[in-house]
Amino acid sequence: MSEAIENVIIIGSGPAGLTAAIYSARANLNPLMIEGYEAGGQLMTTNDVENYPGFTDGITGPELMSVTRKQAERFGTRFLTKNVTKVDLSQRPFKVWVNDDLYQAKTIIVSTGATAKYLGLESEQKFIGKGVSACATCDGAFFKNLNVCVVGGGDTAMEEATFLTRFAKKVWVIHRRDEFRASKIMADRVLNHPNIEVMWNSEIEEVQGEQLVTSIRVKNRETGEVNEMPMDGVFVAIGHKPNTDVFAGQIETNDVGYIQTKGKSTYTSVEGVFAAGDVQDATYRQAITAAGTGCMAAIDCERWLEAQEG
């Protein structure tokens, strides 16, 4: 057990966590970041990032995270490349365990992100970032005049399919049931769009290609018939899972696990605990919005500490 009580422990190391680290380090809070074994978040599986301000020619996700981490380190952020295994938010100082090692903190910034749900196909995993994506807003522009499909039947799938029509030659929506779960207004936009075709009662069995995706094998769940379709992009829109299991029962979340923050702040239901990035944002899920809330969390944290100690 460390006797030291940290000013702030930042849990998670994507754009939100690293931005929080930069701001809190510059505020002389001497942050400790427990970045996790999969440091860098979802951007570590993103080949090209062209919509993050400041990089005229684009940058890869891992490069963006690397330079941001170096910037946080430059201002004095300390890094622990391990996973948090348990927390106790019931009293201050807060307790954070990494296996048997205990760390204590006056404040915590939670920036553990969310994990996109995939279909679970081995062939799908092979092509993530090479034609398979879980974010049309991030990657749609790479598929100009190409054929793409969206897998899913909820509002997110409808949004992604409609968005992709701005770029793609044609969009297929592949749904395993015979009706959408999406709201009627969202579903109608897809059903009435001249450039979208819906494949009901269908599921992808295999994603095919060499360097990039070139085709998919689709099975009709009613007839059992399997067809191969030429396809350049596969967008999986079956939801995200916020990485909040370690905080279960200790912090207020919505019904699917996203941490609830108060008003336009990063304050959570626990005084002194703040949340930033995709762990509390089910709407935008962009690197730039995550970074923005990371900045907010660091400022909220600094001001809260000043109020406590002033």
C-alpha atoms as a PDB file:
ATOM      1  CA  MET A   1       0.000   0.000   0.000  1.00  0.00           C
ATOM      2  CA  SER A   2       1.233   3.435  -0.936  1.00  0.00           C
ATOM      3  CA  GLU A   3       1.073   5.894   1.991  1.00  0.00           C
ATOM      4  CA  ALA A   4       0.746   8.807  -0.437  1.00  0.00           C
ATOM      5  CA  ILE A   5      -2.671  10.237  -1.151  1.00  0.00           C
ATOM      6  CA  GLU A   6      -2.771  11.399  -4.758  1.00  0.00           C
ATOM      7  CA  ASN A   7      -4.488  14.645  -5.720  1.00  0.00           C
ATOM      8  CA  VAL A   8      -6.048  12.860  -8.675  1.00  0.00           C
ATOM      9  CA  ILE A   9      -5.970   9.388 -10.169  1.00  0.00           C
ATOM     10  CA  ILE A  10      -7.042   9.173 -13.804  1.00  0.00           C
ATOM     11  CA  ILE A  11      -8.357   5.754 -14.793  1.00  0.00           C
ATOM     12  CA  GLY A  12      -8.150   5.141 -18.555  1.00  0.00           C
ATOM     13  CA  SER A  13      -5.881   6.538 -21.234  1.00  0.00           C
ATOM     14  CA  GLY A  14      -7.780   7.409 -24.396  1.00  0.00           C
ATOM     15  CA  PRO A  15      -8.196  10.999 -25.645  1.00  0.00           C
ATOM     16  CA  ALA A  16     -10.310  11.908 -22.588  1.00  0.00           C
ATOM     17  CA  GLY A  17      -7.888  10.561 -19.997  1.00  0.00           C
ATOM     18  CA  LEU A  18      -4.767  11.935 -21.662  1.00  0.00           C
ATOM     19  CA  THR A  19      -6.299  15.387 -22.098  1.00  0.00           C
ATOM     20  CA  ALA A  20      -7.359  15.342 -18.445  1.00  0.00           C
ATOM     21  CA  ALA A  21      -3.774  14.406 -17.599  1.00  0.00           C
ATOM     22  CA  ILE A  22      -2.345  17.324 -19.598  1.00  0.00           C
ATOM     23  CA  TYR A  23      -4.654  19.841 -17.925  1.00  0.00           C
ATOM     24  CA  SER A  24      -4.330  18.486 -14.400  1.00  0.00           C
ATOM     25  CA  ALA A  25      -0.537  18.192 -14.700  1.00  0.00           C
ATOM     26  CA  ARG A  26      -0.296  21.810 -15.882  1.00  0.00           C
ATOM     27  CA  ALA A  27      -2.411  22.761 -12.855  1.00  0.00           C
ATOM     28  CA  ASN A  28       0.292  21.177 -10.634  1.00  0.00           C
ATOM     29  CA  LEU A  29      -1.960  18.351  -9.476  1.00  0.00           C
ATOM     30  CA  ASN A  30       0.766  15.780 -10.263  1.00  0.00           C
ATOM     31  CA  PRO A  31      -1.704  13.225 -11.686  1.00  0.00           C
ATOM     32  CA  LEU A  32      -1.259   9.470 -11.588  1.00  0.00           C
ATOM     33  CA  MET A  33      -2.753   7.782 -14.641  1.00  0.00           C
ATOM     34  CA  ILE A  34      -3.578   4.093 -14.443  1.00  0.00           C
ATOM     35  CA  GLU A  35      -3.705   3.606 -18.177  1.00  0.00           C
ATOM     36  CA  GLY A  36      -4.586  -0.068 -18.449  1.00  0.00           C
ATOM     37  CA  TYR A  37      -2.892  -2.809 -20.432  1.00  0.00           C
ATOM     38  CA  GLU A  38      -4.804  -1.723 -23.549  1.00  0.00           C
ATOM     39  CA  ALA A  39      -3.568   1.841 -23.288  1.00  0.00           C
ATOM     40  CA  GLY A  40      -4.824   4.398 -25.789  1.00  0.00           C
ATOM     41  CA  GLY A  41      -8.423   3.250 -26.096  1.00  0.00           C
ATOM     42  CA  GLN A  42     -10.381   2.628 -29.294  1.00  0.00           C
ATOM     43  CA  LEU A  43      -8.059   4.805 -31.398  1.00  0.00           C
ATOM     44  CA  MET A  44      -5.386   2.115 -31.111  1.00  0.00           C
ATOM     45  CA  THR A  45      -7.346   0.099 -33.694  1.00  0.00           C
ATOM     46  CA  THR A  46      -7.996   3.081 -35.991  1.00  0.00           C
ATOM     47  CA  ASN A  47      -5.681   3.281 -38.993  1.00  0.00           C
ATOM     48  CA  ASP A  48      -6.477   6.779 -40.255  1.00  0.00           C
ATOM     49  CA  VAL A  49      -7.775   9.742 -38.270  1.00  0.00           C
ATOM     50  CA  GLU A  50      -8.557  12.612 -40.620  1.00  0.00           C
ATOM     51  CA  ASN A  51     -11.053  14.585 -38.550  1.00  0.00           C
ATOM     52  CA  TYR A  52      -8.930  15.473 -35.518  1.00  0.00           C
ATOM     53  CA  PRO A  53      -7.993  19.183 -35.710  1.00  0.00           C
ATOM     54  CA  GLY A  54      -4.368  20.085 -36.227  1.00  0.00           C
ATOM     55  CA  PHE A  55      -3.264  17.258 -38.527  1.00  0.00           C
ATOM     56  CA  THR A  56      -3.682  18.479 -42.098  1.00  0.00           C
ATOM     57  CA  ASP A  57      -2.616  15.172 -43.647  1.00  0.00           C
ATOM     58  CA  GLY A  58      -4.318  12.988 -41.048  1.00  0.00           C
ATOM     59  CA  ILE A  59      -2.626  10.766 -38.492  1.00  0.00           C
ATOM     60  CA  THR A  60      -2.996   7.154 -37.399  1.00  0.00           C
ATOM     61  CA  GLY A  61      -4.835   6.464 -34.159  1.00  0.00           C
ATOM     62  CA  PRO A  62      -1.777   4.975 -32.408  1.00  0.00           C
ATOM     63  CA  GLU A  63       0.368   7.957 -33.469  1.00  0.00           C
ATOM     64  CA  LEU A  64      -2.202  10.408 -32.140  1.00  0.00           C
ATOM     65  CA  MET A  65      -2.293   8.634 -28.810  1.00  0.00           C
ATOM     66  CA  SER A  66       1.499   8.416 -28.690  1.00  0.00           C
ATOM     67  CA  VAL A  67       2.063  12.154 -29.178  1.00  0.00           C
ATOM     68  CA  THR A  68      -0.724  13.008 -26.720  1.00  0.00           C
ATOM     69  CA  ARG A  69       0.791  10.680 -24.117  1.00  0.00           C
ATOM     70  CA  LYS A  70       4.213  12.294 -24.568  1.00  0.00           C
ATOM     71  CA  GLN A  71       2.607  15.694 -24.057  1.00  0.00           C
ATOM     72  CA  ALA A  72       0.997  14.516 -20.795  1.00  0.00           C
ATOM     73  CA  GLU A  73       4.306  13.004 -19.706  1.00  0.00           C
ATOM     74  CA  ARG A  74       6.154  16.239 -20.487  1.00  0.00           C
ATOM     75  CA  PHE A  75       4.083  18.063 -17.864  1.00  0.00           C
ATOM     76  CA  GLY A  76       4.730  15.419 -15.227  1.00  0.00           C
ATOM     77  CA  THR A  77       1.967  12.828 -15.525  1.00  0.00           C
ATOM     78  CA  ARG A  78       3.016   9.505 -14.015  1.00  0.00           C
ATOM     79  CA  PHE A  79       1.827   6.346 -15.762  1.00  0.00           C
ATOM     80  CA  LEU A  80       0.994   2.900 -14.479  1.00  0.00           C
ATOM     81  CA  THR A  81       0.405   0.443 -17.341  1.00  0.00           C
ATOM     82  CA  LYS A  82      -1.871  -1.945 -15.472  1.00  0.00           C
ATOM     83  CA  ASN A  83      -5.605  -2.503 -15.059  1.00  0.00           C
ATOM     84  CA  VAL A  84      -7.614  -1.296 -12.100  1.00  0.00           C
ATOM     85  CA  THR A  85      -9.138  -4.361 -10.450  1.00  0.00           C
ATOM     86  CA  LYS A  86     -11.268  -2.796  -7.688  1.00  0.00           C
ATOM     87  CA  VAL A  87     -12.319   0.602  -6.356  1.00  0.00           C
ATOM     88  CA  ASP A  88     -13.933   1.887  -3.166  1.00  0.00           C
ATOM     89  CA  LEU A  89     -15.746   5.184  -3.685  1.00  0.00           C
ATOM     90  CA  SER A  90     -17.713   5.036  -0.438  1.00  0.00           C
ATOM     91  CA  GLN A  91     -15.363   7.336   1.474  1.00  0.00           C
ATOM     92  CA  ARG A  92     -12.475   9.706   0.945  1.00  0.00           C
ATOM     93  CA  PRO A  93      -9.672   9.277   0.230  1.00  0.00           C
ATOM     94  CA  PHE A  94     -10.914   7.021  -2.547  1.00  0.00           C
ATOM     95  CA  LYS A  95      -9.247   3.641  -2.826  1.00  0.00           C
ATOM     96  CA  VAL A  96      -8.098   2.117  -6.114  1.00  0.00           C
ATOM     97  CA  TRP A  97      -6.591  -1.345  -6.308  1.00  0.00           C
ATOM     98  CA  VAL A  98      -4.333  -2.761  -8.987  1.00  0.00           C
ATOM     99  CA  ASN A  99      -4.373  -6.426  -7.960  1.00  0.00           C
ATOM    100  CA  ASP A 100      -2.953  -6.294  -4.399  1.00  0.00           C
ATOM    101  CA  ASP A 101      -1.504  -2.786  -4.688  1.00  0.00           C
ATOM    102  CA  LEU A 102      -3.630  -0.030  -3.144  1.00  0.00           C
ATOM    103  CA  TYR A 103      -3.576   3.593  -4.287  1.00  0.00           C
ATOM    104  CA  GLN A 104      -5.472   6.417  -2.604  1.00  0.00           C
ATOM    105  CA  ALA A 105      -6.728   9.682  -4.075  1.00  0.00           C
ATOM    106  CA  LYS A 106      -8.590  12.851  -3.158  1.00  0.00           C
ATOM    107  CA  THR A 107     -10.292  12.793  -6.567  1.00  0.00           C
ATOM    108  CA  ILE A 108     -10.754  10.375  -9.459  1.00  0.00           C
ATOM    109  CA  ILE A 109     -11.331  11.019 -13.145  1.00  0.00           C
ATOM    110  CA  VAL A 110     -12.963   8.026 -14.842  1.00  0.00           C
ATOM    111  CA  SER A 111     -12.115   7.854 -18.554  1.00  0.00           C
ATOM    112  CA  THR A 112     -12.314   4.134 -19.208  1.00  0.00           C
ATOM    113  CA  GLY A 113     -14.209   4.544 -22.493  1.00  0.00           C
ATOM    114  CA  ALA A 114     -16.589   2.152 -24.172  1.00  0.00           C
ATOM    115  CA  THR A 115     -16.006  -0.919 -26.289  1.00  0.00           C
ATOM    116  CA  ALA A 116     -17.779  -1.354 -29.603  1.00  0.00           C
ATOM    117  CA  LYS A 117     -19.728  -4.601 -29.877  1.00  0.00           C
ATOM    118  CA  TYR A 118     -18.739  -6.715 -32.870  1.00  0.00           C
ATOM    119  CA  LEU A 119     -20.291  -9.796 -34.420  1.00  0.00           C
ATOM    120  CA  GLY A 120     -17.660 -12.111 -33.012  1.00  0.00           C
ATOM    121  CA  LEU A 121     -16.417 -13.471 -36.344  1.00  0.00           C
ATOM    122  CA  GLU A 122     -12.736 -14.309 -36.671  1.00  0.00           C
ATOM    123  CA  SER A 123     -12.753 -12.886 -40.204  1.00  0.00           C
ATOM    124  CA  GLU A 124     -14.342  -9.656 -38.934  1.00  0.00           C
ATOM    125  CA  GLN A 125     -11.566  -9.077 -36.390  1.00  0.00           C
ATOM    126  CA  LYS A 126      -8.963  -9.557 -39.110  1.00  0.00           C
ATOM    127  CA  PHE A 127     -10.360  -6.612 -41.099  1.00  0.00           C
ATOM    128  CA  ILE A 128     -10.996  -4.054 -38.350  1.00  0.00           C
ATOM    129  CA  GLY A 129      -9.533  -0.836 -39.737  1.00  0.00           C
ATOM    130  CA  LYS A 130      -9.249  -2.464 -43.174  1.00  0.00           C
ATOM    131  CA  GLY A 131     -12.870  -2.221 -44.235  1.00  0.00           C
ATOM    132  CA  VAL A 132     -14.618  -3.204 -41.002  1.00  0.00           C
ATOM    133  CA  SER A 133     -15.589  -0.289 -38.763  1.00  0.00           C
ATOM    134  CA  ALA A 134     -17.871   0.477 -35.822  1.00  0.00           C
ATOM    135  CA  CYS A 135     -18.052   4.220 -36.574  1.00  0.00           C
ATOM    136  CA  ALA A 136     -19.509   5.655 -39.777  1.00  0.00           C
ATOM    137  CA  THR A 137     -18.812   9.233 -38.661  1.00  0.00           C
ATOM    138  CA  CYS A 138     -15.142   8.335 -38.231  1.00  0.00           C
ATOM    139  CA  ASP A 139     -14.626   6.285 -41.377  1.00  0.00           C
ATOM    140  CA  GLY A 140     -17.447   6.966 -43.848  1.00  0.00           C
ATOM    141  CA  ALA A 141     -15.449   9.417 -45.942  1.00  0.00           C
ATOM    142  CA  PHE A 142     -12.993   6.641 -46.867  1.00  0.00           C
ATOM    143  CA  PHE A 143     -15.746   4.837 -48.816  1.00  0.00           C
ATOM    144  CA  LYS A 144     -16.611   7.362 -51.503  1.00  0.00           C
ATOM    145  CA  ASN A 145     -18.393   5.682 -54.441  1.00  0.00           C
ATOM    146  CA  LEU A 146     -17.948   2.243 -52.866  1.00  0.00           C
ATOM    147  CA  ASN A 147     -20.425  -0.404 -51.700  1.00  0.00           C
ATOM    148  CA  VAL A 148     -20.934  -0.698 -47.955  1.00  0.00           C
ATOM    149  CA  CYS A 149     -23.266  -2.438 -45.526  1.00  0.00           C
ATOM    150  CA  VAL A 150     -24.471  -1.640 -42.035  1.00  0.00           C
ATOM    151  CA  VAL A 151     -25.267  -4.442 -39.576  1.00  0.00           C
ATOM    152  CA  GLY A 152     -27.955  -3.678 -37.016  1.00  0.00           C
ATOM    153  CA  GLY A 153     -31.554  -2.672 -36.528  1.00  0.00           C
ATOM    154  CA  GLY A 154     -31.575   0.073 -33.912  1.00  0.00           C
ATOM    155  CA  ASP A 155     -31.451   3.860 -34.155  1.00  0.00           C
ATOM    156  CA  THR A 156     -27.656   3.850 -34.392  1.00  0.00           C
ATOM    157  CA  ALA A 157     -27.745   1.533 -37.409  1.00  0.00           C
ATOM    158  CA  MET A 158     -30.340   3.765 -39.079  1.00  0.00           C
ATOM    159  CA  GLU A 159     -28.229   6.869 -38.425  1.00  0.00           C
ATOM    160  CA  GLU A 160     -25.083   5.206 -39.741  1.00  0.00           C
ATOM    161  CA  ALA A 161     -26.806   3.922 -42.892  1.00  0.00           C
ATOM    162  CA  THR A 162     -28.320   7.330 -43.670  1.00  0.00           C
ATOM    163  CA  PHE A 163     -25.000   9.070 -43.005  1.00  0.00           C
ATOM    164  CA  LEU A 164     -23.114   6.670 -45.286  1.00  0.00           C
ATOM    165  CA  THR A 165     -25.344   7.523 -48.260  1.00  0.00           C
ATOM    166  CA  ARG A 166     -23.421  10.822 -48.442  1.00  0.00           C
ATOM    167  CA  PHE A 167     -20.359   8.893 -49.576  1.00  0.00           C
ATOM    168  CA  ALA A 168     -21.139   5.351 -50.659  1.00  0.00           C
ATOM    169  CA  LYS A 169     -22.404   4.211 -54.046  1.00  0.00           C
ATOM    170  CA  LYS A 170     -24.939   1.982 -52.278  1.00  0.00           C
ATOM    171  CA  VAL A 171     -25.710   1.016 -48.687  1.00  0.00           C
ATOM    172  CA  TRP A 172     -27.184  -2.303 -47.557  1.00  0.00           C
ATOM    173  CA  VAL A 173     -28.667  -2.694 -44.087  1.00  0.00           C
ATOM    174  CA  ILE A 174     -28.330  -6.281 -42.877  1.00  0.00           C
ATOM    175  CA  HIS A 175     -30.680  -7.157 -40.035  1.00  0.00           C
ATOM    176  CA  ARG A 176     -31.194 -10.544 -38.417  1.00  0.00           C
ATOM    177  CA  ARG A 177     -34.925  -9.998 -37.772  1.00  0.00           C
ATOM    178  CA  ASP A 178     -37.907  -9.059 -39.947  1.00  0.00           C
ATOM    179  CA  GLU A 179     -38.427  -5.608 -38.404  1.00  0.00           C
ATOM    180  CA  PHE A 180     -36.242  -2.849 -36.973  1.00  0.00           C
ATOM    181  CA  ARG A 181     -35.987  -1.994 -33.278  1.00  0.00           C
ATOM    182  CA  ALA A 182     -35.366   1.609 -34.316  1.00  0.00           C
ATOM    183  CA  SER A 183     -37.867   4.392 -33.775  1.00  0.00           C
ATOM    184  CA  LYS A 184     -40.397   4.732 -36.588  1.00  0.00           C
ATOM    185  CA  ILE A 185     -39.022   8.059 -37.855  1.00  0.00           C
ATOM    186  CA  MET A 186     -35.469   6.659 -38.096  1.00  0.00           C
ATOM    187  CA  ALA A 187     -36.609   3.403 -39.682  1.00  0.00           C
ATOM    188  CA  ASP A 188     -38.725   5.262 -42.262  1.00  0.00           C
ATOM    189  CA  ARG A 189     -35.715   7.302 -43.365  1.00  0.00           C
ATOM    190  CA  VAL A 190     -33.892   4.087 -44.188  1.00  0.00           C
ATOM    191  CA  LEU A 191     -36.856   2.278 -45.726  1.00  0.00           C
ATOM    192  CA  ASN A 192     -37.693   5.233 -47.981  1.00  0.00           C
ATOM    193  CA  HIS A 193     -34.136   6.075 -49.024  1.00  0.00           C
ATOM    194  CA  PRO A 194     -33.498   5.303 -52.705  1.00  0.00           C
ATOM    195  CA  ASN A 195     -29.874   4.400 -52.059  1.00  0.00           C
ATOM    196  CA  ILE A 196     -30.434   1.948 -49.189  1.00  0.00           C
ATOM    197  CA  GLU A 197     -31.501  -1.663 -49.539  1.00  0.00           C
ATOM    198  CA  VAL A 198     -32.575  -3.707 -46.513  1.00  0.00           C
ATOM    199  CA  MET A 199     -31.764  -7.404 -46.162  1.00  0.00           C
ATOM    200  CA  TRP A 200     -34.176  -8.850 -43.606  1.00  0.00           C
ATOM    201  CA  ASN A 201     -33.625 -12.053 -41.606  1.00  0.00           C
ATOM    202  CA  SER A 202     -29.986 -12.044 -42.642  1.00  0.00           C
ATOM    203  CA  GLU A 203     -26.602 -12.229 -40.965  1.00  0.00           C
ATOM    204  CA  ILE A 204     -22.995 -12.080 -42.082  1.00  0.00           C
ATOM    205  CA  GLU A 205     -21.213 -15.421 -41.853  1.00  0.00           C
ATOM    206  CA  GLU A 206     -17.818 -14.292 -43.113  1.00  0.00           C
ATOM    207  CA  VAL A 207     -15.957 -11.146 -44.146  1.00  0.00           C
ATOM    208  CA  GLN A 208     -13.628 -11.821 -47.076  1.00  0.00           C
ATOM    209  CA  GLY A 209     -10.670 -10.140 -48.711  1.00  0.00           C
ATOM    210  CA  GLU A 210      -6.891 -10.034 -48.733  1.00  0.00           C
ATOM    211  CA  GLN A 211      -5.452  -6.687 -47.617  1.00  0.00           C
ATOM    212  CA  LEU A 212      -8.882  -5.018 -47.541  1.00  0.00           C
ATOM    213  CA  VAL A 213     -12.492  -6.208 -47.456  1.00  0.00           C
ATOM    214  CA  THR A 214     -13.731  -7.245 -50.905  1.00  0.00           C
ATOM    215  CA  SER A 215     -16.848  -9.328 -50.157  1.00  0.00           C
ATOM    216  CA  ILE A 216     -19.093 -10.840 -47.506  1.00  0.00           C
ATOM    217  CA  ARG A 217     -20.965 -14.131 -47.162  1.00  0.00           C
ATOM    218  CA  VAL A 218     -24.547 -13.525 -46.015  1.00  0.00           C
ATOM    219  CA  LYS A 219     -26.918 -16.194 -44.722  1.00  0.00           C
ATOM    220  CA  ASN A 220     -30.686 -15.903 -44.842  1.00  0.00           C
ATOM    221  CA  ARG A 221     -31.868 -17.113 -41.426  1.00  0.00           C
ATOM    222  CA  GLU A 222     -35.204 -18.327 -42.763  1.00  0.00           C
ATOM    223  CA  THR A 223     -34.129 -20.260 -45.846  1.00  0.00           C
ATOM    224  CA  GLY A 224     -30.546 -21.087 -44.871  1.00  0.00           C
ATOM    225  CA  GLU A 225     -29.378 -19.837 -48.271  1.00  0.00           C
ATOM    226  CA  VAL A 226     -25.877 -18.318 -48.313  1.00  0.00           C
ATOM    227  CA  ASN A 227     -24.821 -15.713 -50.878  1.00  0.00           C
ATOM    228  CA  GLU A 228     -21.543 -13.985 -51.520  1.00  0.00           C
ATOM    229  CA  MET A 229     -21.818 -10.235 -52.098  1.00  0.00           C
ATOM    230  CA  PRO A 230     -19.098  -7.870 -53.332  1.00  0.00           C
ATOM    231  CA  MET A 231     -18.589  -5.335 -50.512  1.00  0.00           C
ATOM    232  CA  ASP A 232     -15.973  -2.711 -49.727  1.00  0.00           C
ATOM    233  CA  GLY A 233     -16.991  -1.752 -46.212  1.00  0.00           C
ATOM    234  CA  VAL A 234     -18.778  -3.363 -43.268  1.00  0.00           C
ATOM    235  CA  PHE A 235     -20.101  -1.056 -40.539  1.00  0.00           C
ATOM    236  CA  VAL A 236     -21.137  -2.857 -37.373  1.00  0.00           C
ATOM    237  CA  ALA A 237     -23.794  -0.875 -35.483  1.00  0.00           C
ATOM    238  CA  ILE A 238     -25.023  -3.203 -32.766  1.00  0.00           C
ATOM    239  CA  GLY A 239     -24.078  -0.999 -29.828  1.00  0.00           C
ATOM    240  CA  HIS A 240     -21.266  -0.181 -27.424  1.00  0.00           C
ATOM    241  CA  LYS A 241     -20.553  -1.401 -23.914  1.00  0.00           C
ATOM    242  CA  PRO A 242     -19.252   1.264 -21.509  1.00  0.00           C
ATOM    243  CA  ASN A 243     -16.290  -0.002 -19.504  1.00  0.00           C
ATOM    244  CA  THR A 244     -17.843   0.507 -16.082  1.00  0.00           C
ATOM    245  CA  ASP A 245     -17.909  -2.995 -14.551  1.00  0.00           C
ATOM    246  CA  VAL A 246     -15.302  -2.103 -11.925  1.00  0.00           C
ATOM    247  CA  PHE A 247     -17.518   0.762 -10.691  1.00  0.00           C
ATOM    248  CA  ALA A 248     -20.741  -1.293 -10.542  1.00  0.00           C
ATOM    249  CA  GLY A 249     -23.017  -0.317  -7.664  1.00  0.00           C
ATOM    250  CA  GLN A 250     -20.808   2.587  -6.609  1.00  0.00           C
ATOM    251  CA  ILE A 251     -21.631   5.277  -9.128  1.00  0.00           C
ATOM    252  CA  GLU A 252     -24.843   6.220 -10.915  1.00  0.00           C
ATOM    253  CA  THR A 253     -25.152   4.928 -14.469  1.00  0.00           C
ATOM    254  CA  ASN A 254     -27.972   4.719 -16.982  1.00  0.00           C
ATOM    255  CA  ASP A 255     -29.710   1.449 -17.758  1.00  0.00           C
ATOM    256  CA  VAL A 256     -26.962   0.286 -20.131  1.00  0.00           C
ATOM    257  CA  GLY A 257     -24.024   1.301 -17.938  1.00  0.00           C
ATOM    258  CA  TYR A 258     -22.968   4.779 -19.086  1.00  0.00           C
ATOM    259  CA  ILE A 259     -21.916   6.971 -16.147  1.00  0.00           C
ATOM    260  CA  GLN A 260     -24.392   9.797 -15.539  1.00  0.00           C
ATOM    261  CA  THR A 261     -22.858  13.265 -15.325  1.00  0.00           C
ATOM    262  CA  LYS A 262     -24.606  16.334 -13.936  1.00  0.00           C
ATOM    263  CA  GLY A 263     -25.787  19.085 -16.282  1.00  0.00           C
ATOM    264  CA  LYS A 264     -23.023  20.446 -18.480  1.00  0.00           C
ATOM    265  CA  SER A 265     -20.313  19.266 -16.094  1.00  0.00           C
ATOM    266  CA  THR A 266     -18.319  16.072 -15.571  1.00  0.00           C
ATOM    267  CA  TYR A 267     -19.505  15.679 -11.955  1.00  0.00           C
ATOM    268  CA  THR A 268     -20.842  12.210 -11.181  1.00  0.00           C
ATOM    269  CA  SER A 269     -23.153  11.051  -8.398  1.00  0.00           C
ATOM    270  CA  VAL A 270     -20.084  10.727  -6.137  1.00  0.00           C
ATOM    271  CA  GLU A 271     -18.558  14.003  -4.918  1.00  0.00           C
ATOM    272  CA  GLY A 272     -14.946  14.182  -6.052  1.00  0.00           C
ATOM    273  CA  VAL A 273     -15.364  11.643  -8.867  1.00  0.00           C
ATOM    274  CA  PHE A 274     -15.566  12.949 -12.425  1.00  0.00           C
ATOM    275  CA  ALA A 275     -16.205  11.159 -15.720  1.00  0.00           C
ATOM    276  CA  ALA A 276     -15.043  12.031 -19.225  1.00  0.00           C
ATOM    277  CA  GLY A 277     -15.128  10.575 -22.718  1.00  0.00           C
ATOM    278  CA  ASP A 278     -17.082   7.647 -24.088  1.00  0.00           C
ATOM    279  CA  VAL A 279     -17.703   6.168 -20.638  1.00  0.00           C
ATOM    280  CA  GLN A 280     -20.308   8.925 -20.169  1.00  0.00           C
ATOM    281  CA  ASP A 281     -21.081   9.823 -23.792  1.00  0.00           C
ATOM    282  CA  ALA A 282     -23.374   7.507 -25.725  1.00  0.00           C
ATOM    283  CA  THR A 283     -24.162  10.191 -28.305  1.00  0.00           C
ATOM    284  CA  TYR A 284     -21.068  11.606 -30.037  1.00  0.00           C
ATOM    285  CA  ARG A 285     -18.267   9.100 -29.336  1.00  0.00           C
ATOM    286  CA  GLN A 286     -15.577  11.077 -31.150  1.00  0.00           C
ATOM    287  CA  ALA A 287     -11.929  11.560 -30.190  1.00  0.00           C
ATOM    288  CA  ILE A 288     -12.369  15.340 -30.187  1.00  0.00           C
ATOM    289  CA  THR A 289     -15.452  15.292 -27.935  1.00  0.00           C
ATOM    290  CA  ALA A 290     -13.708  12.861 -25.593  1.00  0.00           C
ATOM    291  CA  ALA A 291     -10.712  15.197 -25.414  1.00  0.00           C
ATOM    292  CA  GLY A 292     -13.044  18.115 -24.719  1.00  0.00           C
ATOM    293  CA  THR A 293     -14.677  16.385 -21.769  1.00  0.00           C
ATOM    294  CA  GLY A 294     -11.231  15.354 -20.519  1.00  0.00           C
ATOM    295  CA  CYS A 295     -10.338  19.050 -20.358  1.00  0.00           C
ATOM    296  CA  MET A 296     -13.634  19.746 -18.547  1.00  0.00           C
ATOM    297  CA  ALA A 297     -13.002  16.956 -16.024  1.00  0.00           C
ATOM    298  CA  ALA A 298      -9.544  18.285 -15.153  1.00  0.00           C
ATOM    299  CA  ILE A 299     -10.898  21.809 -14.650  1.00  0.00           C
ATOM    300  CA  ASP A 300     -13.865  20.531 -12.602  1.00  0.00           C
ATOM    301  CA  CYS A 301     -11.458  18.441 -10.535  1.00  0.00           C
ATOM    302  CA  GLU A 302      -9.042  21.336  -9.927  1.00  0.00           C
ATOM    303  CA  ARG A 303     -11.858  23.690  -8.882  1.00  0.00           C
ATOM    304  CA  TRP A 304     -13.412  21.070  -6.608  1.00  0.00           C
ATOM    305  CA  LEU A 305     -10.086  20.506  -4.857  1.00  0.00           C
ATOM    306  CA  GLU A 306      -9.611  24.273  -4.434  1.00  0.00           C
ATOM    307  CA  ALA A 307     -13.059  24.568  -2.876  1.00  0.00           C
ATOM    308  CA  GLN A 308     -12.335  21.674  -0.489  1.00  0.00           C
ATOM    309  CA  GLU A 309      -8.944  22.955   0.565  1.00  0.00           C
ATOM    310  CA  GLY A 310      -9.704  26.688   0.397  1.00  0.00           C
END
